[in-house]
Amino acid sequence: MTRSLLDKLDRIVIPKDICKALSLAPGSPVLFSVENGRVIITPEDTVCAVCGAQIPKGKSIRLCNGCIEQVAQIHRAEVAAVI
């Protein structure tokens, strides 16, 4: 476990070993959540932009397969309504 201190502006520095483990670089967007009294830090590009489900790292679009399928179903229904 790595230790860091909260500064007077309520900021912490994410230790270098944690950044490396999460592939974070300066300017990387991260999401913070609290679960069972613990702070969870998640790289934003690894979660679906709609539902927050985990997606494979490096995927070019930030949507999980479930949300992609829902969008496809809506699109198919709209196309069918026009025809």
PDB file of N, CA and C in Angstrom:
ATOM      1  N   MET A   1       0.863  -1.174   0.000  1.00  0.00           N
ATOM      2  CA  MET A   1       0.000   0.000   0.000  1.00  0.00           C
ATOM      3  C   MET A   1       0.908   1.235   0.000  1.00  0.00           C
ATOM      4  N   THR A   2       0.540   2.231  -0.774  1.00  0.00           N
ATOM      5  CA  THR A   2       1.305   3.462  -0.879  1.00  0.00           C
ATOM      6  C   THR A   2       0.566   4.577  -0.160  1.00  0.00           C
ATOM      7  N   ARG A   3       1.308   5.464   0.479  1.00  0.00           N
ATOM      8  CA  ARG A   3       0.714   6.542   1.274  1.00  0.00           C
ATOM      9  C   ARG A   3       0.889   7.887   0.583  1.00  0.00           C
ATOM     10  N   SER A   4      -0.137   8.750   0.682  1.00  0.00           N
ATOM     11  CA  SER A   4      -0.092  10.120   0.197  1.00  0.00           C
ATOM     12  C   SER A   4      -0.887  10.978   1.170  1.00  0.00           C
ATOM     13  N   LEU A   5      -0.601  12.264   1.215  1.00  0.00           N
ATOM     14  CA  LEU A   5      -1.282  13.165   2.145  1.00  0.00           C
ATOM     15  C   LEU A   5      -2.203  14.127   1.410  1.00  0.00           C
ATOM     16  N   LEU A   6      -3.300  14.462   2.040  1.00  0.00           N
ATOM     17  CA  LEU A   6      -4.233  15.461   1.535  1.00  0.00           C
ATOM     18  C   LEU A   6      -3.661  16.836   1.854  1.00  0.00           C
ATOM     19  N   ASP A   7      -3.593  17.734   0.851  1.00  0.00           N
ATOM     20  CA  ASP A   7      -3.055  19.063   1.128  1.00  0.00           C
ATOM     21  C   ASP A   7      -4.167  20.019   1.574  1.00  0.00           C
ATOM     22  N   LYS A   8      -3.813  21.285   1.794  1.00  0.00           N
ATOM     23  CA  LYS A   8      -4.779  22.271   2.309  1.00  0.00           C
ATOM     24  C   LYS A   8      -5.915  22.562   1.333  1.00  0.00           C
ATOM     25  N   LEU A   9      -5.729  22.234   0.058  1.00  0.00           N
ATOM     26  CA  LEU A   9      -6.776  22.448  -0.947  1.00  0.00           C
ATOM     27  C   LEU A   9      -7.526  21.143  -1.261  1.00  0.00           C
ATOM     28  N   ASP A  10      -7.428  20.155  -0.343  1.00  0.00           N
ATOM     29  CA  ASP A  10      -8.103  18.862  -0.483  1.00  0.00           C
ATOM     30  C   ASP A  10      -7.643  18.082  -1.717  1.00  0.00           C
ATOM     31  N   ARG A  11      -6.355  18.195  -2.054  1.00  0.00           N
ATOM     32  CA  ARG A  11      -5.799  17.473  -3.190  1.00  0.00           C
ATOM     33  C   ARG A  11      -4.832  16.409  -2.686  1.00  0.00           C
ATOM     34  N   ILE A  12      -4.705  15.365  -3.487  1.00  0.00           N
ATOM     35  CA  ILE A  12      -3.686  14.358  -3.214  1.00  0.00           C
ATOM     36  C   ILE A  12      -2.873  14.153  -4.486  1.00  0.00           C
ATOM     37  N   VAL A  13      -1.659  13.684  -4.320  1.00  0.00           N
ATOM     38  CA  VAL A  13      -0.847  13.278  -5.454  1.00  0.00           C
ATOM     39  C   VAL A  13      -1.008  11.772  -5.579  1.00  0.00           C
ATOM     40  N   ILE A  14      -1.351  11.316  -6.760  1.00  0.00           N
ATOM     41  CA  ILE A  14      -1.441   9.878  -6.987  1.00  0.00           C
ATOM     42  C   ILE A  14      -0.007   9.380  -7.153  1.00  0.00           C
ATOM     43  N   PRO A  15       0.420   8.471  -6.297  1.00  0.00           N
ATOM     44  CA  PRO A  15       1.801   7.997  -6.358  1.00  0.00           C
ATOM     45  C   PRO A  15       2.174   7.415  -7.724  1.00  0.00           C
ATOM     46  N   LYS A  16       3.451   7.569  -8.068  1.00  0.00           N
ATOM     47  CA  LYS A  16       3.950   7.160  -9.381  1.00  0.00           C
ATOM     48  C   LYS A  16       3.669   5.684  -9.676  1.00  0.00           C
ATOM     49  N   ASP A  17       3.822   4.805  -8.688  1.00  0.00           N
ATOM     50  CA  ASP A  17       3.592   3.385  -8.941  1.00  0.00           C
ATOM     51  C   ASP A  17       2.125   3.094  -9.263  1.00  0.00           C
ATOM     52  N   ILE A  18       1.214   3.857  -8.657  1.00  0.00           N
ATOM     53  CA  ILE A  18      -0.215   3.699  -8.958  1.00  0.00           C
ATOM     54  C   ILE A  18      -0.514   4.214 -10.365  1.00  0.00           C
ATOM     55  N   CYS A  19       0.051   5.380 -10.713  1.00  0.00           N
ATOM     56  CA  CYS A  19      -0.133   5.926 -12.069  1.00  0.00           C
ATOM     57  C   CYS A  19       0.362   4.943 -13.117  1.00  0.00           C
ATOM     58  N   LYS A  20       1.513   4.357 -12.858  1.00  0.00           N
ATOM     59  CA  LYS A  20       2.080   3.397 -13.811  1.00  0.00           C
ATOM     60  C   LYS A  20       1.172   2.181 -13.948  1.00  0.00           C
ATOM     61  N   ALA A  21       0.675   1.662 -12.829  1.00  0.00           N
ATOM     62  CA  ALA A  21      -0.200   0.489 -12.849  1.00  0.00           C
ATOM     63  C   ALA A  21      -1.497   0.749 -13.620  1.00  0.00           C
ATOM     64  N   LEU A  22      -1.984   2.016 -13.587  1.00  0.00           N
ATOM     65  CA  LEU A  22      -3.230   2.381 -14.281  1.00  0.00           C
ATOM     66  C   LEU A  22      -2.984   3.015 -15.641  1.00  0.00           C
ATOM     67  N   SER A  23      -1.728   3.091 -16.060  1.00  0.00           N
ATOM     68  CA  SER A  23      -1.339   3.736 -17.331  1.00  0.00           C
ATOM     69  C   SER A  23      -1.808   5.188 -17.387  1.00  0.00           C
ATOM     70  N   LEU A  24      -1.658   5.902 -16.279  1.00  0.00           N
ATOM     71  CA  LEU A  24      -2.052   7.310 -16.212  1.00  0.00           C
ATOM     72  C   LEU A  24      -0.848   8.200 -16.508  1.00  0.00           C
ATOM     73  N   ALA A  25      -1.084   9.256 -17.244  1.00  0.00           N
ATOM     74  CA  ALA A  25      -0.070  10.255 -17.541  1.00  0.00           C
ATOM     75  C   ALA A  25      -0.644  11.610 -17.157  1.00  0.00           C
ATOM     76  N   PRO A  26       0.197  12.640 -17.016  1.00  0.00           N
ATOM     77  CA  PRO A  26      -0.347  13.971 -16.713  1.00  0.00           C
ATOM     78  C   PRO A  26      -1.456  14.350 -17.702  1.00  0.00           C
ATOM     79  N   GLY A  27      -2.584  14.793 -17.175  1.00  0.00           N
ATOM     80  CA  GLY A  27      -3.726  15.170 -18.004  1.00  0.00           C
ATOM     81  C   GLY A  27      -4.707  14.038 -18.254  1.00  0.00           C
ATOM     82  N   SER A  28      -4.415  12.821 -17.796  1.00  0.00           N
ATOM     83  CA  SER A  28      -5.335  11.696 -17.992  1.00  0.00           C
ATOM     84  C   SER A  28      -6.618  11.922 -17.195  1.00  0.00           C
ATOM     85  N   PRO A  29      -7.780  11.769 -17.821  1.00  0.00           N
ATOM     86  CA  PRO A  29      -9.029  11.907 -17.072  1.00  0.00           C
ATOM     87  C   PRO A  29      -9.284  10.677 -16.216  1.00  0.00           C
ATOM     88  N   VAL A  30      -9.693  10.895 -14.968  1.00  0.00           N
ATOM     89  CA  VAL A  30     -10.008   9.797 -14.058  1.00  0.00           C
ATOM     90  C   VAL A  30     -11.372  10.032 -13.418  1.00  0.00           C
ATOM     91  N   LEU A  31     -12.004   8.950 -13.012  1.00  0.00           N
ATOM     92  CA  LEU A  31     -13.279   9.014 -12.312  1.00  0.00           C
ATOM     93  C   LEU A  31     -13.051   8.584 -10.879  1.00  0.00           C
ATOM     94  N   PHE A  32     -13.715   9.240  -9.930  1.00  0.00           N
ATOM     95  CA  PHE A  32     -13.635   8.897  -8.523  1.00  0.00           C
ATOM     96  C   PHE A  32     -14.997   8.413  -8.055  1.00  0.00           C
ATOM     97  N   SER A  33     -14.997   7.344  -7.272  1.00  0.00           N
ATOM     98  CA  SER A  33     -16.236   6.860  -6.656  1.00  0.00           C
ATOM     99  C   SER A  33     -15.892   6.344  -5.264  1.00  0.00           C
ATOM    100  N   VAL A  34     -16.912   6.190  -4.436  1.00  0.00           N
ATOM    101  CA  VAL A  34     -16.722   5.667  -3.082  1.00  0.00           C
ATOM    102  C   VAL A  34     -17.541   4.393  -2.961  1.00  0.00           C
ATOM    103  N   GLU A  35     -16.884   3.312  -2.560  1.00  0.00           N
ATOM    104  CA  GLU A  35     -17.553   2.026  -2.368  1.00  0.00           C
ATOM    105  C   GLU A  35     -17.084   1.439  -1.042  1.00  0.00           C
ATOM    106  N   ASN A  36     -18.029   1.192  -0.147  1.00  0.00           N
ATOM    107  CA  ASN A  36     -17.717   0.604   1.160  1.00  0.00           C
ATOM    108  C   ASN A  36     -16.620   1.374   1.895  1.00  0.00           C
ATOM    109  N   GLY A  37     -16.686   2.697   1.863  1.00  0.00           N
ATOM    110  CA  GLY A  37     -15.735   3.526   2.575  1.00  0.00           C
ATOM    111  C   GLY A  37     -14.370   3.645   1.922  1.00  0.00           C
ATOM    112  N   ARG A  38     -14.227   3.168   0.701  1.00  0.00           N
ATOM    113  CA  ARG A  38     -12.961   3.253  -0.028  1.00  0.00           C
ATOM    114  C   ARG A  38     -13.138   4.120  -1.272  1.00  0.00           C
ATOM    115  N   VAL A  39     -12.105   4.887  -1.590  1.00  0.00           N
ATOM    116  CA  VAL A  39     -12.114   5.699  -2.804  1.00  0.00           C
ATOM    117  C   VAL A  39     -11.604   4.837  -3.948  1.00  0.00           C
ATOM    118  N   ILE A  40     -12.361   4.791  -5.028  1.00  0.00           N
ATOM    119  CA  ILE A  40     -11.981   4.034  -6.213  1.00  0.00           C
ATOM    120  C   ILE A  40     -11.621   5.037  -7.306  1.00  0.00           C
ATOM    121  N   ILE A  41     -10.435   4.902  -7.874  1.00  0.00           N
ATOM    122  CA  ILE A  41      -9.981   5.757  -8.975  1.00  0.00           C
ATOM    123  C   ILE A  41      -9.944   4.889 -10.227  1.00  0.00           C
ATOM    124  N   THR A  42     -10.677   5.309 -11.259  1.00  0.00           N
ATOM    125  CA  THR A  42     -10.768   4.538 -12.492  1.00  0.00           C
ATOM    126  C   THR A  42     -10.404   5.423 -13.679  1.00  0.00           C
ATOM    127  N   PRO A  43      -9.479   4.981 -14.536  1.00  0.00           N
ATOM    128  CA  PRO A  43      -9.207   5.751 -15.753  1.00  0.00           C
ATOM    129  C   PRO A  43     -10.494   5.888 -16.564  1.00  0.00           C
ATOM    130  N   GLU A  44     -10.838   7.119 -16.938  1.00  0.00           N
ATOM    131  CA  GLU A  44     -12.124   7.364 -17.606  1.00  0.00           C
ATOM    132  C   GLU A  44     -12.263   6.611 -18.920  1.00  0.00           C
ATOM    133  N   ASP A  45     -11.163   6.387 -19.627  1.00  0.00           N
ATOM    134  CA  ASP A  45     -11.268   5.721 -20.918  1.00  0.00           C
ATOM    135  C   ASP A  45     -11.513   4.219 -20.812  1.00  0.00           C
ATOM    136  N   THR A  46     -11.665   3.704 -19.594  1.00  0.00           N
ATOM    137  CA  THR A  46     -11.927   2.273 -19.422  1.00  0.00           C
ATOM    138  C   THR A  46     -13.366   1.985 -18.993  1.00  0.00           C
ATOM    139  N   VAL A  47     -14.221   3.027 -18.973  1.00  0.00           N
ATOM    140  CA  VAL A  47     -15.622   2.812 -18.606  1.00  0.00           C
ATOM    141  C   VAL A  47     -16.545   3.372 -19.688  1.00  0.00           C
ATOM    142  N   CYS A  48     -17.691   2.730 -19.855  1.00  0.00           N
ATOM    143  CA  CYS A  48     -18.685   3.145 -20.840  1.00  0.00           C
ATOM    144  C   CYS A  48     -19.190   4.545 -20.498  1.00  0.00           C
ATOM    145  N   ALA A  49     -19.257   5.413 -21.485  1.00  0.00           N
ATOM    146  CA  ALA A  49     -19.704   6.790 -21.289  1.00  0.00           C
ATOM    147  C   ALA A  49     -21.185   6.872 -20.928  1.00  0.00           C
ATOM    148  N   VAL A  50     -21.960   5.819 -21.190  1.00  0.00           N
ATOM    149  CA  VAL A  50     -23.389   5.829 -20.914  1.00  0.00           C
ATOM    150  C   VAL A  50     -23.720   5.182 -19.574  1.00  0.00           C
ATOM    151  N   CYS A  51     -23.261   3.944 -19.373  1.00  0.00           N
ATOM    152  CA  CYS A  51     -23.690   3.194 -18.185  1.00  0.00           C
ATOM    153  C   CYS A  51     -22.597   2.983 -17.143  1.00  0.00           C
ATOM    154  N   GLY A  52     -21.346   3.280 -17.484  1.00  0.00           N
ATOM    155  CA  GLY A  52     -20.253   3.125 -16.535  1.00  0.00           C
ATOM    156  C   GLY A  52     -19.676   1.726 -16.433  1.00  0.00           C
ATOM    157  N   ALA A  53     -20.128   0.800 -17.277  1.00  0.00           N
ATOM    158  CA  ALA A  53     -19.584  -0.559 -17.263  1.00  0.00           C
ATOM    159  C   ALA A  53     -18.143  -0.556 -17.763  1.00  0.00           C
ATOM    160  N   GLN A  54     -17.360  -1.506 -17.290  1.00  0.00           N
ATOM    161  CA  GLN A  54     -15.975  -1.621 -17.746  1.00  0.00           C
ATOM    162  C   GLN A  54     -15.947  -1.978 -19.232  1.00  0.00           C
ATOM    163  N   ILE A  55     -15.038  -1.363 -19.980  1.00  0.00           N
ATOM    164  CA  ILE A  55     -14.818  -1.701 -21.381  1.00  0.00           C
ATOM    165  C   ILE A  55     -13.342  -2.024 -21.560  1.00  0.00           C
ATOM    166  N   PRO A  56     -13.006  -2.793 -22.579  1.00  0.00           N
ATOM    167  CA  PRO A  56     -11.603  -3.136 -22.799  1.00  0.00           C
ATOM    168  C   PRO A  56     -10.751  -1.888 -23.033  1.00  0.00           C
ATOM    169  N   LYS A  57      -9.573  -1.878 -22.436  1.00  0.00           N
ATOM    170  CA  LYS A  57      -8.659  -0.751 -22.597  1.00  0.00           C
ATOM    171  C   LYS A  57      -8.225  -0.660 -24.058  1.00  0.00           C
ATOM    172  N   GLY A  58      -8.150   0.553 -24.557  1.00  0.00           N
ATOM    173  CA  GLY A  58      -7.720   0.762 -25.932  1.00  0.00           C
ATOM    174  C   GLY A  58      -8.852   0.735 -26.948  1.00  0.00           C
ATOM    175  N   LYS A  59     -10.082   0.479 -26.507  1.00  0.00           N
ATOM    176  CA  LYS A  59     -11.224   0.469 -27.426  1.00  0.00           C
ATOM    177  C   LYS A  59     -11.412   1.887 -27.955  1.00  0.00           C
ATOM    178  N   SER A  60     -11.665   2.037 -29.247  1.00  0.00           N
ATOM    179  CA  SER A  60     -11.719   3.365 -29.861  1.00  0.00           C
ATOM    180  C   SER A  60     -12.977   4.151 -29.494  1.00  0.00           C
ATOM    181  N   ILE A  61     -14.047   3.477 -29.086  1.00  0.00           N
ATOM    182  CA  ILE A  61     -15.274   4.163 -28.711  1.00  0.00           C
ATOM    183  C   ILE A  61     -15.591   3.816 -27.259  1.00  0.00           C
ATOM    184  N   ARG A  62     -15.990   4.804 -26.481  1.00  0.00           N
ATOM    185  CA  ARG A  62     -16.237   4.590 -25.058  1.00  0.00           C
ATOM    186  C   ARG A  62     -17.666   4.113 -24.799  1.00  0.00           C
ATOM    187  N   LEU A  63     -18.062   3.035 -25.457  1.00  0.00           N
ATOM    188  CA  LEU A  63     -19.363   2.412 -25.233  1.00  0.00           C
ATOM    189  C   LEU A  63     -19.160   0.921 -25.049  1.00  0.00           C
ATOM    190  N   CYS A  64     -19.858   0.334 -24.069  1.00  0.00           N
ATOM    191  CA  CYS A  64     -19.794  -1.112 -23.877  1.00  0.00           C
ATOM    192  C   CYS A  64     -20.653  -1.779 -24.956  1.00  0.00           C
ATOM    193  N   ASN A  65     -20.479  -3.079 -25.102  1.00  0.00           N
ATOM    194  CA  ASN A  65     -21.237  -3.812 -26.119  1.00  0.00           C
ATOM    195  C   ASN A  65     -22.740  -3.731 -25.883  1.00  0.00           C
ATOM    196  N   GLY A  66     -23.178  -3.727 -24.619  1.00  0.00           N
ATOM    197  CA  GLY A  66     -24.602  -3.630 -24.312  1.00  0.00           C
ATOM    198  C   GLY A  66     -25.203  -2.315 -24.793  1.00  0.00           C
ATOM    199  N   CYS A  67     -24.510  -1.202 -24.549  1.00  0.00           N
ATOM    200  CA  CYS A  67     -25.011   0.105 -24.993  1.00  0.00           C
ATOM    201  C   CYS A  67     -24.962   0.228 -26.513  1.00  0.00           C
ATOM    202  N   ILE A  68     -23.936  -0.341 -27.134  1.00  0.00           N
ATOM    203  CA  ILE A  68     -23.863  -0.327 -28.599  1.00  0.00           C
ATOM    204  C   ILE A  68     -25.055  -1.077 -29.168  1.00  0.00           C
ATOM    205  N   GLU A  69     -25.400  -2.222 -28.584  1.00  0.00           N
ATOM    206  CA  GLU A  69     -26.536  -3.001 -29.067  1.00  0.00           C
ATOM    207  C   GLU A  69     -27.850  -2.245 -28.876  1.00  0.00           C
ATOM    208  N   GLN A  70     -28.015  -1.545 -27.754  1.00  0.00           N
ATOM    209  CA  GLN A  70     -29.235  -0.756 -27.533  1.00  0.00           C
ATOM    210  C   GLN A  70     -29.363   0.350 -28.575  1.00  0.00           C
ATOM    211  N   VAL A  71     -28.256   1.013 -28.880  1.00  0.00           N
ATOM    212  CA  VAL A  71     -28.275   2.065 -29.902  1.00  0.00           C
ATOM    213  C   VAL A  71     -28.630   1.456 -31.259  1.00  0.00           C
ATOM    214  N   ALA A  72     -28.071   0.298 -31.570  1.00  0.00           N
ATOM    215  CA  ALA A  72     -28.364  -0.372 -32.839  1.00  0.00           C
ATOM    216  C   ALA A  72     -29.846  -0.738 -32.933  1.00  0.00           C
ATOM    217  N   GLN A  73     -30.436  -1.224 -31.830  1.00  0.00           N
ATOM    218  CA  GLN A  73     -31.860  -1.580 -31.832  1.00  0.00           C
ATOM    219  C   GLN A  73     -32.722  -0.346 -32.073  1.00  0.00           C
ATOM    220  N   ILE A  74     -32.386   0.757 -31.424  1.00  0.00           N
ATOM    221  CA  ILE A  74     -33.139   2.005 -31.619  1.00  0.00           C
ATOM    222  C   ILE A  74     -33.024   2.457 -33.067  1.00  0.00           C
ATOM    223  N   HIS A  75     -31.821   2.382 -33.613  1.00  0.00           N
ATOM    224  CA  HIS A  75     -31.590   2.791 -34.998  1.00  0.00           C
ATOM    225  C   HIS A  75     -32.395   1.911 -35.955  1.00  0.00           C
ATOM    226  N   ARG A  76     -32.360   0.601 -35.735  1.00  0.00           N
ATOM    227  CA  ARG A  76     -33.114  -0.313 -36.607  1.00  0.00           C
ATOM    228  C   ARG A  76     -34.608  -0.016 -36.537  1.00  0.00           C
ATOM    229  N   ALA A  77     -35.130   0.265 -35.351  1.00  0.00           N
ATOM    230  CA  ALA A  77     -36.558   0.577 -35.187  1.00  0.00           C
ATOM    231  C   ALA A  77     -36.912   1.878 -35.911  1.00  0.00           C
ATOM    232  N   GLU A  78     -36.039   2.884 -35.808  1.00  0.00           N
ATOM    233  CA  GLU A  78     -36.308   4.161 -36.489  1.00  0.00           C
ATOM    234  C   GLU A  78     -36.264   4.001 -38.002  1.00  0.00           C
ATOM    235  N   VAL A  79     -35.322   3.210 -38.495  1.00  0.00           N
ATOM    236  CA  VAL A  79     -35.222   2.972 -39.938  1.00  0.00           C
ATOM    237  C   VAL A  79     -36.451   2.223 -40.420  1.00  0.00           C
ATOM    238  N   ALA A  80     -36.896   1.219 -39.646  1.00  0.00           N
ATOM    239  CA  ALA A  80     -38.069   0.439 -40.025  1.00  0.00           C
ATOM    240  C   ALA A  80     -39.312   1.317 -40.044  1.00  0.00           C
ATOM    241  N   ALA A  81     -39.398   2.290 -39.155  1.00  0.00           N
ATOM    242  CA  ALA A  81     -40.566   3.182 -39.114  1.00  0.00           C
ATOM    243  C   ALA A  81     -40.631   4.100 -40.327  1.00  0.00           C
ATOM    244  N   VAL A  82     -39.473   4.420 -40.875  1.00  0.00           N
ATOM    245  CA  VAL A  82     -39.422   5.314 -42.038  1.00  0.00           C
ATOM    246  C   VAL A  82     -39.766   4.573 -43.312  1.00  0.00           C
ATOM    247  N   ILE A  83     -39.401   3.304 -43.373  1.00  0.00           N
ATOM    248  CA  ILE A  83     -39.610   2.512 -44.615  1.00  0.00           C
ATOM    249  C   ILE A  83     -41.028   2.122 -44.782  1.00  0.00           C
TER     250      ILE A  83
END
